[in-house]
Amino acid sequence: MREFIHDAWHGVMNAEKNPLKHIPDQNVRHLILQILAWMWCITFSLYFSSWVVFGYTVVAHFILILAIFVTVITFSLTKSSYSWGYHSVNRAREYTIYRDKDGNPYKVPLPKGDPGGEHD
């Protein structure tokens, strides 16, 4: 039973396993998933003959799917953004920019092996 629930969940909610995987734009996938959720809200509300149920289910589906969407996007961005490891901007450039007494900028090379930034 546990495996059935796991497979059913991923069959609907996992964007790499459900039929929406063929849509390349993740925003369009999210929109279609929202429309389907609202369709099911309407279906259950009509089944129970209550517009109050409709209101509750629309809000609940919207919050649930939005939370899942934000989590997936956050994980995806983190994976792609920090796959090389974290470095501050100044350390990535290997120099910092100072200004002289007249306000003119000049480059100062940072020492090798120095972690820089908040580690000073």
PDB file of N, CA and C in Angstrom:
ATOM      1  N   MET A   1       0.827  -1.192   0.000  1.00  0.00           N
ATOM      2  CA  MET A   1       0.000   0.000   0.000  1.00  0.00           C
ATOM      3  C   MET A   1       0.874   1.260   0.000  1.00  0.00           C
ATOM      4  N   ARG A   2       1.935   1.215   0.801  1.00  0.00           N
ATOM      5  CA  ARG A   2       2.824   2.374   0.882  1.00  0.00           C
ATOM      6  C   ARG A   2       3.470   2.668  -0.472  1.00  0.00           C
ATOM      7  N   GLU A   3       3.876   1.618  -1.165  1.00  0.00           N
ATOM      8  CA  GLU A   3       4.484   1.794  -2.491  1.00  0.00           C
ATOM      9  C   GLU A   3       3.467   2.341  -3.492  1.00  0.00           C
ATOM     10  N   PHE A   4       2.216   1.899  -3.404  1.00  0.00           N
ATOM     11  CA  PHE A   4       1.167   2.401  -4.284  1.00  0.00           C
ATOM     12  C   PHE A   4       0.966   3.908  -4.087  1.00  0.00           C
ATOM     13  N   ILE A   5       0.914   4.339  -2.823  1.00  0.00           N
ATOM     14  CA  ILE A   5       0.729   5.768  -2.533  1.00  0.00           C
ATOM     15  C   ILE A   5       1.932   6.559  -3.043  1.00  0.00           C
ATOM     16  N   HIS A   6       3.128   6.039  -2.819  1.00  0.00           N
ATOM     17  CA  HIS A   6       4.350   6.704  -3.294  1.00  0.00           C
ATOM     18  C   HIS A   6       4.333   6.845  -4.816  1.00  0.00           C
ATOM     19  N   ASP A   7       4.021   5.762  -5.518  1.00  0.00           N
ATOM     20  CA  ASP A   7       3.999   5.793  -6.981  1.00  0.00           C
ATOM     21  C   ASP A   7       2.889   6.700  -7.512  1.00  0.00           C
ATOM     22  N   ALA A   8       1.729   6.678  -6.869  1.00  0.00           N
ATOM     23  CA  ALA A   8       0.624   7.530  -7.304  1.00  0.00           C
ATOM     24  C   ALA A   8       0.970   9.000  -7.116  1.00  0.00           C
ATOM     25  N   TRP A   9       1.590   9.323  -5.984  1.00  0.00           N
ATOM     26  CA  TRP A   9       1.998  10.713  -5.719  1.00  0.00           C
ATOM     27  C   TRP A   9       2.975  11.187  -6.786  1.00  0.00           C
ATOM     28  N   HIS A  10       4.016  10.400  -7.052  1.00  0.00           N
ATOM     29  CA  HIS A  10       5.019  10.806  -8.033  1.00  0.00           C
ATOM     30  C   HIS A  10       4.465  10.800  -9.458  1.00  0.00           C
ATOM     31  N   GLY A  11       3.487   9.966  -9.723  1.00  0.00           N
ATOM     32  CA  GLY A  11       2.866   9.942 -11.043  1.00  0.00           C
ATOM     33  C   GLY A  11       2.131  11.229 -11.368  1.00  0.00           C
ATOM     34  N   VAL A  12       1.657  11.917 -10.329  1.00  0.00           N
ATOM     35  CA  VAL A  12       0.930  13.172 -10.519  1.00  0.00           C
ATOM     36  C   VAL A  12       1.834  14.376 -10.253  1.00  0.00           C
ATOM     37  N   MET A  13       2.573  14.369  -9.150  1.00  0.00           N
ATOM     38  CA  MET A  13       3.282  15.562  -8.690  1.00  0.00           C
ATOM     39  C   MET A  13       4.722  15.691  -9.199  1.00  0.00           C
ATOM     40  N   ASN A  14       5.342  14.616  -9.627  1.00  0.00           N
ATOM     41  CA  ASN A  14       6.721  14.686 -10.091  1.00  0.00           C
ATOM     42  C   ASN A  14       6.736  15.109 -11.551  1.00  0.00           C
ATOM     43  N   ALA A  15       7.276  16.279 -11.823  1.00  0.00           N
ATOM     44  CA  ALA A  15       7.249  16.836 -13.174  1.00  0.00           C
ATOM     45  C   ALA A  15       8.093  16.037 -14.163  1.00  0.00           C
ATOM     46  N   GLU A  16       8.966  15.177 -13.671  1.00  0.00           N
ATOM     47  CA  GLU A  16       9.784  14.363 -14.572  1.00  0.00           C
ATOM     48  C   GLU A  16       9.136  13.013 -14.877  1.00  0.00           C
ATOM     49  N   LYS A  17       8.024  12.694 -14.198  1.00  0.00           N
ATOM     50  CA  LYS A  17       7.356  11.408 -14.415  1.00  0.00           C
ATOM     51  C   LYS A  17       5.951  11.543 -14.978  1.00  0.00           C
ATOM     52  N   ASN A  18       5.268  12.667 -14.720  1.00  0.00           N
ATOM     53  CA  ASN A  18       3.903  12.799 -15.215  1.00  0.00           C
ATOM     54  C   ASN A  18       3.912  13.260 -16.683  1.00  0.00           C
ATOM     55  N   PRO A  19       2.785  13.209 -17.364  1.00  0.00           N
ATOM     56  CA  PRO A  19       2.746  13.589 -18.782  1.00  0.00           C
ATOM     57  C   PRO A  19       3.118  15.046 -19.062  1.00  0.00           C
ATOM     58  N   LEU A  20       3.110  15.915 -18.055  1.00  0.00           N
ATOM     59  CA  LEU A  20       3.495  17.308 -18.278  1.00  0.00           C
ATOM     60  C   LEU A  20       5.005  17.471 -18.496  1.00  0.00           C
ATOM     61  N   LYS A  21       5.757  16.393 -18.344  1.00  0.00           N
ATOM     62  CA  LYS A  21       7.218  16.466 -18.522  1.00  0.00           C
ATOM     63  C   LYS A  21       7.602  16.867 -19.942  1.00  0.00           C
ATOM     64  N   HIS A  22       6.686  16.719 -20.884  1.00  0.00           N
ATOM     65  CA  HIS A  22       6.981  17.067 -22.279  1.00  0.00           C
ATOM     66  C   HIS A  22       6.900  18.570 -22.538  1.00  0.00           C
ATOM     67  N   ILE A  23       6.391  19.330 -21.581  1.00  0.00           N
ATOM     68  CA  ILE A  23       6.327  20.792 -21.708  1.00  0.00           C
ATOM     69  C   ILE A  23       7.638  21.352 -21.151  1.00  0.00           C
ATOM     70  N   PRO A  24       8.432  22.024 -21.981  1.00  0.00           N
ATOM     71  CA  PRO A  24       9.752  22.471 -21.512  1.00  0.00           C
ATOM     72  C   PRO A  24       9.711  23.604 -20.491  1.00  0.00           C
ATOM     73  N   ASP A  25       8.720  24.471 -20.551  1.00  0.00           N
ATOM     74  CA  ASP A  25       8.658  25.619 -19.644  1.00  0.00           C
ATOM     75  C   ASP A  25       7.996  25.222 -18.328  1.00  0.00           C
ATOM     76  N   GLN A  26       8.734  25.358 -17.231  1.00  0.00           N
ATOM     77  CA  GLN A  26       8.221  24.951 -15.931  1.00  0.00           C
ATOM     78  C   GLN A  26       7.063  25.834 -15.475  1.00  0.00           C
ATOM     79  N   ASN A  27       7.036  27.090 -15.886  1.00  0.00           N
ATOM     80  CA  ASN A  27       5.918  27.972 -15.529  1.00  0.00           C
ATOM     81  C   ASN A  27       4.620  27.512 -16.173  1.00  0.00           C
ATOM     82  N   VAL A  28       4.687  27.046 -17.398  1.00  0.00           N
ATOM     83  CA  VAL A  28       3.490  26.546 -18.085  1.00  0.00           C
ATOM     84  C   VAL A  28       3.007  25.267 -17.400  1.00  0.00           C
ATOM     85  N   ARG A  29       3.950  24.402 -17.014  1.00  0.00           N
ATOM     86  CA  ARG A  29       3.579  23.185 -16.281  1.00  0.00           C
ATOM     87  C   ARG A  29       2.851  23.537 -14.988  1.00  0.00           C
ATOM     88  N   HIS A  30       3.358  24.539 -14.287  1.00  0.00           N
ATOM     89  CA  HIS A  30       2.729  24.959 -13.033  1.00  0.00           C
ATOM     90  C   HIS A  30       1.314  25.485 -13.288  1.00  0.00           C
ATOM     91  N   LEU A  31       1.154  26.292 -14.322  1.00  0.00           N
ATOM     92  CA  LEU A  31      -0.166  26.825 -14.662  1.00  0.00           C
ATOM     93  C   LEU A  31      -1.151  25.699 -14.967  1.00  0.00           C
ATOM     94  N   ILE A  32      -0.725  24.730 -15.747  1.00  0.00           N
ATOM     95  CA  ILE A  32      -1.616  23.615 -16.100  1.00  0.00           C
ATOM     96  C   ILE A  32      -1.970  22.804 -14.860  1.00  0.00           C
ATOM     97  N   LEU A  33      -1.004  22.600 -13.972  1.00  0.00           N
ATOM     98  CA  LEU A  33      -1.280  21.875 -12.738  1.00  0.00           C
ATOM     99  C   LEU A  33      -2.282  22.634 -11.865  1.00  0.00           C
ATOM    100  N   GLN A  34      -2.175  23.967 -11.831  1.00  0.00           N
ATOM    101  CA  GLN A  34      -3.145  24.770 -11.085  1.00  0.00           C
ATOM    102  C   GLN A  34      -4.543  24.642 -11.694  1.00  0.00           C
ATOM    103  N   ILE A  35      -4.626  24.713 -13.000  1.00  0.00           N
ATOM    104  CA  ILE A  35      -5.932  24.593 -13.666  1.00  0.00           C
ATOM    105  C   ILE A  35      -6.552  23.230 -13.381  1.00  0.00           C
ATOM    106  N   LEU A  36      -5.749  22.174 -13.438  1.00  0.00           N
ATOM    107  CA  LEU A  36      -6.265  20.837 -13.121  1.00  0.00           C
ATOM    108  C   LEU A  36      -6.733  20.755 -11.662  1.00  0.00           C
ATOM    109  N   ALA A  37      -5.979  21.373 -10.764  1.00  0.00           N
ATOM    110  CA  ALA A  37      -6.377  21.357  -9.346  1.00  0.00           C
ATOM    111  C   ALA A  37      -7.714  22.055  -9.163  1.00  0.00           C
ATOM    112  N   TRP A  38      -7.877  23.202  -9.816  1.00  0.00           N
ATOM    113  CA  TRP A  38      -9.140  23.923  -9.696  1.00  0.00           C
ATOM    114  C   TRP A  38     -10.290  23.140 -10.330  1.00  0.00           C
ATOM    115  N   MET A  39     -10.007  22.430 -11.411  1.00  0.00           N
ATOM    116  CA  MET A  39     -11.035  21.588 -12.028  1.00  0.00           C
ATOM    117  C   MET A  39     -11.522  20.534 -11.027  1.00  0.00           C
ATOM    118  N   TRP A  40     -10.577  19.908 -10.299  1.00  0.00           N
ATOM    119  CA  TRP A  40     -10.961  18.915  -9.309  1.00  0.00           C
ATOM    120  C   TRP A  40     -11.686  19.552  -8.134  1.00  0.00           C
ATOM    121  N   CYS A  41     -11.326  20.770  -7.784  1.00  0.00           N
ATOM    122  CA  CYS A  41     -12.066  21.479  -6.724  1.00  0.00           C
ATOM    123  C   CYS A  41     -13.524  21.661  -7.124  1.00  0.00           C
ATOM    124  N   ILE A  42     -13.735  22.094  -8.341  1.00  0.00           N
ATOM    125  CA  ILE A  42     -15.103  22.293  -8.844  1.00  0.00           C
ATOM    126  C   ILE A  42     -15.852  20.976  -8.876  1.00  0.00           C
ATOM    127  N   THR A  43     -15.187  19.917  -9.334  1.00  0.00           N
ATOM    128  CA  THR A  43     -15.828  18.600  -9.419  1.00  0.00           C
ATOM    129  C   THR A  43     -16.296  18.119  -8.052  1.00  0.00           C
ATOM    130  N   PHE A  44     -15.413  18.181  -7.052  1.00  0.00           N
ATOM    131  CA  PHE A  44     -15.803  17.735  -5.720  1.00  0.00           C
ATOM    132  C   PHE A  44     -16.850  18.654  -5.098  1.00  0.00           C
ATOM    133  N   SER A  45     -16.773  19.929  -5.377  1.00  0.00           N
ATOM    134  CA  SER A  45     -17.774  20.852  -4.832  1.00  0.00           C
ATOM    135  C   SER A  45     -19.146  20.569  -5.408  1.00  0.00           C
ATOM    136  N   LEU A  46     -19.213  20.317  -6.698  1.00  0.00           N
ATOM    137  CA  LEU A  46     -20.505  19.978  -7.300  1.00  0.00           C
ATOM    138  C   LEU A  46     -21.024  18.641  -6.796  1.00  0.00           C
ATOM    139  N   TYR A  47     -20.095  17.721  -6.545  1.00  0.00           N
ATOM    140  CA  TYR A  47     -20.490  16.422  -6.017  1.00  0.00           C
ATOM    141  C   TYR A  47     -21.111  16.564  -4.631  1.00  0.00           C
ATOM    142  N   PHE A  48     -20.518  17.413  -3.809  1.00  0.00           N
ATOM    143  CA  PHE A  48     -21.044  17.630  -2.462  1.00  0.00           C
ATOM    144  C   PHE A  48     -22.073  18.759  -2.418  1.00  0.00           C
ATOM    145  N   SER A  49     -22.371  19.383  -3.555  1.00  0.00           N
ATOM    146  CA  SER A  49     -23.370  20.446  -3.682  1.00  0.00           C
ATOM    147  C   SER A  49     -23.115  21.613  -2.735  1.00  0.00           C
ATOM    148  N   SER A  50     -21.883  22.063  -2.670  1.00  0.00           N
ATOM    149  CA  SER A  50     -21.565  23.143  -1.750  1.00  0.00           C
ATOM    150  C   SER A  50     -20.504  24.062  -2.349  1.00  0.00           C
ATOM    151  N   TRP A  51     -20.825  25.345  -2.444  1.00  0.00           N
ATOM    152  CA  TRP A  51     -19.846  26.321  -2.921  1.00  0.00           C
ATOM    153  C   TRP A  51     -18.855  26.684  -1.824  1.00  0.00           C
ATOM    154  N   VAL A  52     -19.240  26.460  -0.575  1.00  0.00           N
ATOM    155  CA  VAL A  52     -18.300  26.688   0.522  1.00  0.00           C
ATOM    156  C   VAL A  52     -17.152  25.691   0.415  1.00  0.00           C
ATOM    157  N   VAL A  53     -17.484  24.443   0.123  1.00  0.00           N
ATOM    158  CA  VAL A  53     -16.453  23.424  -0.082  1.00  0.00           C
ATOM    159  C   VAL A  53     -15.563  23.824  -1.243  1.00  0.00           C
ATOM    160  N   PHE A  54     -16.167  24.391  -2.285  1.00  0.00           N
ATOM    161  CA  PHE A  54     -15.378  24.852  -3.432  1.00  0.00           C
ATOM    162  C   PHE A  54     -14.348  25.896  -3.007  1.00  0.00           C
ATOM    163  N   GLY A  55     -14.774  26.866  -2.233  1.00  0.00           N
ATOM    164  CA  GLY A  55     -13.855  27.908  -1.779  1.00  0.00           C
ATOM    165  C   GLY A  55     -12.709  27.340  -0.967  1.00  0.00           C
ATOM    166  N   TYR A  56     -13.022  26.449  -0.035  1.00  0.00           N
ATOM    167  CA  TYR A  56     -11.971  25.837   0.787  1.00  0.00           C
ATOM    168  C   TYR A  56     -11.006  25.015  -0.053  1.00  0.00           C
ATOM    169  N   THR A  57     -11.546  24.237  -0.984  1.00  0.00           N
ATOM    170  CA  THR A  57     -10.669  23.359  -1.771  1.00  0.00           C
ATOM    171  C   THR A  57      -9.813  24.149  -2.755  1.00  0.00           C
ATOM    172  N   VAL A  58     -10.341  25.238  -3.312  1.00  0.00           N
ATOM    173  CA  VAL A  58      -9.534  26.066  -4.212  1.00  0.00           C
ATOM    174  C   VAL A  58      -8.346  26.649  -3.458  1.00  0.00           C
ATOM    175  N   VAL A  59      -8.621  27.216  -2.310  1.00  0.00           N
ATOM    176  CA  VAL A  59      -7.543  27.820  -1.514  1.00  0.00           C
ATOM    177  C   VAL A  59      -6.547  26.742  -1.081  1.00  0.00           C
ATOM    178  N   ALA A  60      -7.030  25.616  -0.627  1.00  0.00           N
ATOM    179  CA  ALA A  60      -6.140  24.547  -0.169  1.00  0.00           C
ATOM    180  C   ALA A  60      -5.262  24.027  -1.311  1.00  0.00           C
ATOM    181  N   HIS A  61      -5.857  23.798  -2.481  1.00  0.00           N
ATOM    182  CA  HIS A  61      -5.070  23.324  -3.620  1.00  0.00           C
ATOM    183  C   HIS A  61      -4.052  24.371  -4.070  1.00  0.00           C
ATOM    184  N   PHE A  62      -4.480  25.619  -4.097  1.00  0.00           N
ATOM    185  CA  PHE A  62      -3.565  26.679  -4.519  1.00  0.00           C
ATOM    186  C   PHE A  62      -2.351  26.754  -3.586  1.00  0.00           C
ATOM    187  N   ILE A  63      -2.589  26.729  -2.297  1.00  0.00           N
ATOM    188  CA  ILE A  63      -1.495  26.818  -1.333  1.00  0.00           C
ATOM    189  C   ILE A  63      -0.592  25.594  -1.424  1.00  0.00           C
ATOM    190  N   LEU A  64      -1.173  24.411  -1.516  1.00  0.00           N
ATOM    191  CA  LEU A  64      -0.387  23.180  -1.584  1.00  0.00           C
ATOM    192  C   LEU A  64       0.485  23.140  -2.838  1.00  0.00           C
ATOM    193  N   ILE A  65      -0.103  23.398  -3.989  1.00  0.00           N
ATOM    194  CA  ILE A  65       0.654  23.324  -5.238  1.00  0.00           C
ATOM    195  C   ILE A  65       1.679  24.442  -5.327  1.00  0.00           C
ATOM    196  N   LEU A  66       1.330  25.628  -4.845  1.00  0.00           N
ATOM    197  CA  LEU A  66       2.298  26.728  -4.838  1.00  0.00           C
ATOM    198  C   LEU A  66       3.493  26.397  -3.949  1.00  0.00           C
ATOM    199  N   ALA A  67       3.244  25.817  -2.791  1.00  0.00           N
ATOM    200  CA  ALA A  67       4.338  25.443  -1.886  1.00  0.00           C
ATOM    201  C   ALA A  67       5.241  24.388  -2.529  1.00  0.00           C
ATOM    202  N   ILE A  68       4.652  23.417  -3.182  1.00  0.00           N
ATOM    203  CA  ILE A  68       5.445  22.386  -3.867  1.00  0.00           C
ATOM    204  C   ILE A  68       6.247  23.014  -4.994  1.00  0.00           C
ATOM    205  N   PHE A  69       5.630  23.890  -5.759  1.00  0.00           N
ATOM    206  CA  PHE A  69       6.299  24.544  -6.881  1.00  0.00           C
ATOM    207  C   PHE A  69       7.489  25.379  -6.404  1.00  0.00           C
ATOM    208  N   VAL A  70       7.285  26.176  -5.371  1.00  0.00           N
ATOM    209  CA  VAL A  70       8.375  27.012  -4.846  1.00  0.00           C
ATOM    210  C   VAL A  70       9.515  26.142  -4.322  1.00  0.00           C
ATOM    211  N   THR A  71       9.186  25.044  -3.662  1.00  0.00           N
ATOM    212  CA  THR A  71      10.219  24.143  -3.148  1.00  0.00           C
ATOM    213  C   THR A  71      11.029  23.524  -4.284  1.00  0.00           C
ATOM    214  N   VAL A  72      10.369  23.052  -5.310  1.00  0.00           N
ATOM    215  CA  VAL A  72      11.071  22.441  -6.442  1.00  0.00           C
ATOM    216  C   VAL A  72      11.950  23.464  -7.147  1.00  0.00           C
ATOM    217  N   ILE A  73      11.445  24.667  -7.365  1.00  0.00           N
ATOM    218  CA  ILE A  73      12.235  25.717  -8.009  1.00  0.00           C
ATOM    219  C   ILE A  73      13.453  26.065  -7.161  1.00  0.00           C
ATOM    220  N   THR A  74      13.252  26.184  -5.854  1.00  0.00           N
ATOM    221  CA  THR A  74      14.368  26.505  -4.957  1.00  0.00           C
ATOM    222  C   THR A  74      15.438  25.431  -5.014  1.00  0.00           C
ATOM    223  N   PHE A  75      15.043  24.163  -4.963  1.00  0.00           N
ATOM    224  CA  PHE A  75      16.012  23.074  -5.037  1.00  0.00           C
ATOM    225  C   PHE A  75      16.730  23.079  -6.378  1.00  0.00           C
ATOM    226  N   SER A  76      16.001  23.321  -7.460  1.00  0.00           N
ATOM    227  CA  SER A  76      16.613  23.335  -8.790  1.00  0.00           C
ATOM    228  C   SER A  76      17.618  24.466  -8.934  1.00  0.00           C
ATOM    229  N   LEU A  77      17.251  25.663  -8.473  1.00  0.00           N
ATOM    230  CA  LEU A  77      18.162  26.802  -8.572  1.00  0.00           C
ATOM    231  C   LEU A  77      19.396  26.616  -7.701  1.00  0.00           C
ATOM    232  N   THR A  78      19.208  26.065  -6.517  1.00  0.00           N
ATOM    233  CA  THR A  78      20.338  25.838  -5.626  1.00  0.00           C
ATOM    234  C   THR A  78      21.298  24.823  -6.234  1.00  0.00           C
ATOM    235  N   LYS A  79      20.762  23.785  -6.817  1.00  0.00           N
ATOM    236  CA  LYS A  79      21.603  22.747  -7.421  1.00  0.00           C
ATOM    237  C   LYS A  79      22.423  23.315  -8.568  1.00  0.00           C
ATOM    238  N   SER A  80      21.812  24.137  -9.414  1.00  0.00           N
ATOM    239  CA  SER A  80      22.538  24.679 -10.565  1.00  0.00           C
ATOM    240  C   SER A  80      23.424  25.860 -10.181  1.00  0.00           C
ATOM    241  N   SER A  81      23.016  26.661  -9.198  1.00  0.00           N
ATOM    242  CA  SER A  81      23.772  27.854  -8.835  1.00  0.00           C
ATOM    243  C   SER A  81      25.015  27.553  -8.015  1.00  0.00           C
ATOM    244  N   TYR A  82      24.970  26.544  -7.177  1.00  0.00           N
ATOM    245  CA  TYR A  82      26.077  26.278  -6.268  1.00  0.00           C
ATOM    246  C   TYR A  82      26.759  24.950  -6.549  1.00  0.00           C
ATOM    247  N   SER A  83      26.649  24.428  -7.759  1.00  0.00           N
ATOM    248  CA  SER A  83      27.291  23.159  -8.079  1.00  0.00           C
ATOM    249  C   SER A  83      28.806  23.278  -8.073  1.00  0.00           C
ATOM    250  N   TRP A  84      29.348  24.457  -8.285  1.00  0.00           N
ATOM    251  CA  TRP A  84      30.789  24.696  -8.308  1.00  0.00           C
ATOM    252  C   TRP A  84      31.333  25.035  -6.940  1.00  0.00           C
ATOM    253  N   GLY A  85      30.478  25.223  -5.951  1.00  0.00           N
ATOM    254  CA  GLY A  85      30.902  25.603  -4.608  1.00  0.00           C
ATOM    255  C   GLY A  85      30.672  27.086  -4.392  1.00  0.00           C
ATOM    256  N   TYR A  86      30.631  27.495  -3.156  1.00  0.00           N
ATOM    257  CA  TYR A  86      30.337  28.891  -2.842  1.00  0.00           C
ATOM    258  C   TYR A  86      31.623  29.710  -2.738  1.00  0.00           C
ATOM    259  N   HIS A  87      31.646  30.851  -3.379  1.00  0.00           N
ATOM    260  CA  HIS A  87      32.725  31.825  -3.260  1.00  0.00           C
ATOM    261  C   HIS A  87      32.091  33.204  -3.290  1.00  0.00           C
ATOM    262  N   SER A  88      32.635  34.101  -2.500  1.00  0.00           N
ATOM    263  CA  SER A  88      32.114  35.459  -2.541  1.00  0.00           C
ATOM    264  C   SER A  88      32.511  36.105  -3.868  1.00  0.00           C
ATOM    265  N   VAL A  89      31.839  37.167  -4.231  1.00  0.00           N
ATOM    266  CA  VAL A  89      32.092  37.822  -5.512  1.00  0.00           C
ATOM    267  C   VAL A  89      33.537  38.298  -5.604  1.00  0.00           C
ATOM    268  N   ASN A  90      34.047  38.929  -4.542  1.00  0.00           N
ATOM    269  CA  ASN A  90      35.415  39.435  -4.591  1.00  0.00           C
ATOM    270  C   ASN A  90      36.437  38.325  -4.748  1.00  0.00           C
ATOM    271  N   ARG A  91      36.218  37.193  -4.096  1.00  0.00           N
ATOM    272  CA  ARG A  91      37.174  36.082  -4.205  1.00  0.00           C
ATOM    273  C   ARG A  91      37.126  35.488  -5.607  1.00  0.00           C
ATOM    274  N   ALA A  92      36.003  35.507  -6.233  1.00  0.00           N
ATOM    275  CA  ALA A  92      35.899  34.967  -7.584  1.00  0.00           C
ATOM    276  C   ALA A  92      36.700  35.818  -8.563  1.00  0.00           C
ATOM    277  N   ARG A  93      36.810  37.107  -8.298  1.00  0.00           N
ATOM    278  CA  ARG A  93      37.554  38.010  -9.188  1.00  0.00           C
ATOM    279  C   ARG A  93      39.051  38.028  -8.885  1.00  0.00           C
ATOM    280  N   GLU A  94      39.434  37.563  -7.715  1.00  0.00           N
ATOM    281  CA  GLU A  94      40.821  37.517  -7.261  1.00  0.00           C
ATOM    282  C   GLU A  94      41.427  38.901  -7.014  1.00  0.00           C
ATOM    283  N   TYR A  95      40.590  39.904  -6.929  1.00  0.00           N
ATOM    284  CA  TYR A  95      41.052  41.243  -6.556  1.00  0.00           C
ATOM    285  C   TYR A  95      39.878  42.007  -5.961  1.00  0.00           C
ATOM    286  N   THR A  96      40.186  43.088  -5.316  1.00  0.00           N
ATOM    287  CA  THR A  96      39.155  43.973  -4.803  1.00  0.00           C
ATOM    288  C   THR A  96      39.427  45.381  -5.334  1.00  0.00           C
ATOM    289  N   ILE A  97      38.443  46.207  -5.298  1.00  0.00           N
ATOM    290  CA  ILE A  97      38.599  47.565  -5.826  1.00  0.00           C
ATOM    291  C   ILE A  97      38.557  48.549  -4.666  1.00  0.00           C
ATOM    292  N   TYR A  98      39.607  49.340  -4.554  1.00  0.00           N
ATOM    293  CA  TYR A  98      39.679  50.416  -3.571  1.00  0.00           C
ATOM    294  C   TYR A  98      39.629  51.745  -4.298  1.00  0.00           C
ATOM    295  N   ARG A  99      39.461  52.807  -3.529  1.00  0.00           N
ATOM    296  CA  ARG A  99      39.486  54.154  -4.097  1.00  0.00           C
ATOM    297  C   ARG A  99      40.575  54.967  -3.407  1.00  0.00           C
ATOM    298  N   ASP A 100      41.271  55.758  -4.206  1.00  0.00           N
ATOM    299  CA  ASP A 100      42.304  56.618  -3.611  1.00  0.00           C
ATOM    300  C   ASP A 100      41.646  57.857  -3.003  1.00  0.00           C
ATOM    301  N   LYS A 101      42.470  58.804  -2.488  1.00  0.00           N
ATOM    302  CA  LYS A 101      41.924  59.966  -1.786  1.00  0.00           C
ATOM    303  C   LYS A 101      41.127  60.888  -2.702  1.00  0.00           C
ATOM    304  N   ASP A 102      41.341  60.762  -4.028  1.00  0.00           N
ATOM    305  CA  ASP A 102      40.562  61.565  -4.973  1.00  0.00           C
ATOM    306  C   ASP A 102      39.297  60.847  -5.449  1.00  0.00           C
ATOM    307  N   GLY A 103      39.103  59.609  -4.980  1.00  0.00           N
ATOM    308  CA  GLY A 103      37.920  58.850  -5.368  1.00  0.00           C
ATOM    309  C   GLY A 103      38.105  58.001  -6.614  1.00  0.00           C
ATOM    310  N   ASN A 104      39.305  57.911  -7.134  1.00  0.00           N
ATOM    311  CA  ASN A 104      39.563  57.105  -8.330  1.00  0.00           C
ATOM    312  C   ASN A 104      39.729  55.634  -7.941  1.00  0.00           C
ATOM    313  N   PRO A 105      39.064  54.718  -8.665  1.00  0.00           N
ATOM    314  CA  PRO A 105      39.172  53.290  -8.321  1.00  0.00           C
ATOM    315  C   PRO A 105      40.497  52.694  -8.808  1.00  0.00           C
ATOM    316  N   TYR A 106      40.987  51.718  -8.041  1.00  0.00           N
ATOM    317  CA  TYR A 106      42.150  50.946  -8.475  1.00  0.00           C
ATOM    318  C   TYR A 106      42.035  49.529  -7.902  1.00  0.00           C
ATOM    319  N   LYS A 107      42.626  48.553  -8.623  1.00  0.00           N
ATOM    320  CA  LYS A 107      42.543  47.156  -8.231  1.00  0.00           C
ATOM    321  C   LYS A 107      43.649  46.818  -7.239  1.00  0.00           C
ATOM    322  N   VAL A 108      43.296  46.020  -6.256  1.00  0.00           N
ATOM    323  CA  VAL A 108      44.270  45.492  -5.301  1.00  0.00           C
ATOM    324  C   VAL A 108      44.138  43.974  -5.324  1.00  0.00           C
ATOM    325  N   PRO A 109      45.196  43.268  -5.744  1.00  0.00           N
ATOM    326  CA  PRO A 109      45.122  41.792  -5.781  1.00  0.00           C
ATOM    327  C   PRO A 109      44.954  41.217  -4.379  1.00  0.00           C
ATOM    328  N   LEU A 110      44.147  40.184  -4.268  1.00  0.00           N
ATOM    329  CA  LEU A 110      43.942  39.506  -2.992  1.00  0.00           C
ATOM    330  C   LEU A 110      44.994  38.403  -2.858  1.00  0.00           C
ATOM    331  N   PRO A 111      45.502  38.159  -1.650  1.00  0.00           N
ATOM    332  CA  PRO A 111      46.533  37.132  -1.472  1.00  0.00           C
ATOM    333  C   PRO A 111      45.985  35.729  -1.739  1.00  0.00           C
ATOM    334  N   LYS A 112      46.831  34.853  -2.267  1.00  0.00           N
ATOM    335  CA  LYS A 112      46.436  33.461  -2.534  1.00  0.00           C
ATOM    336  C   LYS A 112      46.197  32.739  -1.216  1.00  0.00           C
ATOM    337  N   GLY A 113      45.179  31.901  -1.168  1.00  0.00           N
ATOM    338  CA  GLY A 113      44.891  31.118   0.011  1.00  0.00           C
ATOM    339  C   GLY A 113      44.142  31.861   1.107  1.00  0.00           C
ATOM    340  N   ASP A 114      43.900  33.120   0.947  1.00  0.00           N
ATOM    341  CA  ASP A 114      43.183  33.917   1.929  1.00  0.00           C
ATOM    342  C   ASP A 114      41.689  33.723   1.707  1.00  0.00           C
ATOM    343  N   PRO A 115      40.926  33.298   2.739  1.00  0.00           N
ATOM    344  CA  PRO A 115      39.507  33.087   2.528  1.00  0.00           C
ATOM    345  C   PRO A 115      38.733  34.368   2.287  1.00  0.00           C
ATOM    346  N   GLY A 116      39.231  35.504   2.778  1.00  0.00           N
ATOM    347  CA  GLY A 116      38.598  36.788   2.528  1.00  0.00           C
ATOM    348  C   GLY A 116      37.234  36.944   3.168  1.00  0.00           C
ATOM    349  N   GLY A 117      36.636  38.099   2.914  1.00  0.00           N
ATOM    350  CA  GLY A 117      35.272  38.368   3.350  1.00  0.00           C
ATOM    351  C   GLY A 117      35.072  38.262   4.845  1.00  0.00           C
ATOM    352  N   GLU A 118      34.070  37.483   5.236  1.00  0.00           N
ATOM    353  CA  GLU A 118      33.687  37.375   6.637  1.00  0.00           C
ATOM    354  C   GLU A 118      34.728  36.635   7.485  1.00  0.00           C
ATOM    355  N   HIS A 119      35.765  36.076   6.864  1.00  0.00           N
ATOM    356  CA  HIS A 119      36.782  35.316   7.601  1.00  0.00           C
ATOM    357  C   HIS A 119      37.938  36.185   8.055  1.00  0.00           C
ATOM    358  N   ASP A 120      37.916  37.477   7.749  1.00  0.00           N
ATOM    359  CA  ASP A 120      39.021  38.372   8.136  1.00  0.00           C
ATOM    360  C   ASP A 120      39.117  38.515   9.632  1.00  0.00           C
TER     361      ASP A 120
END
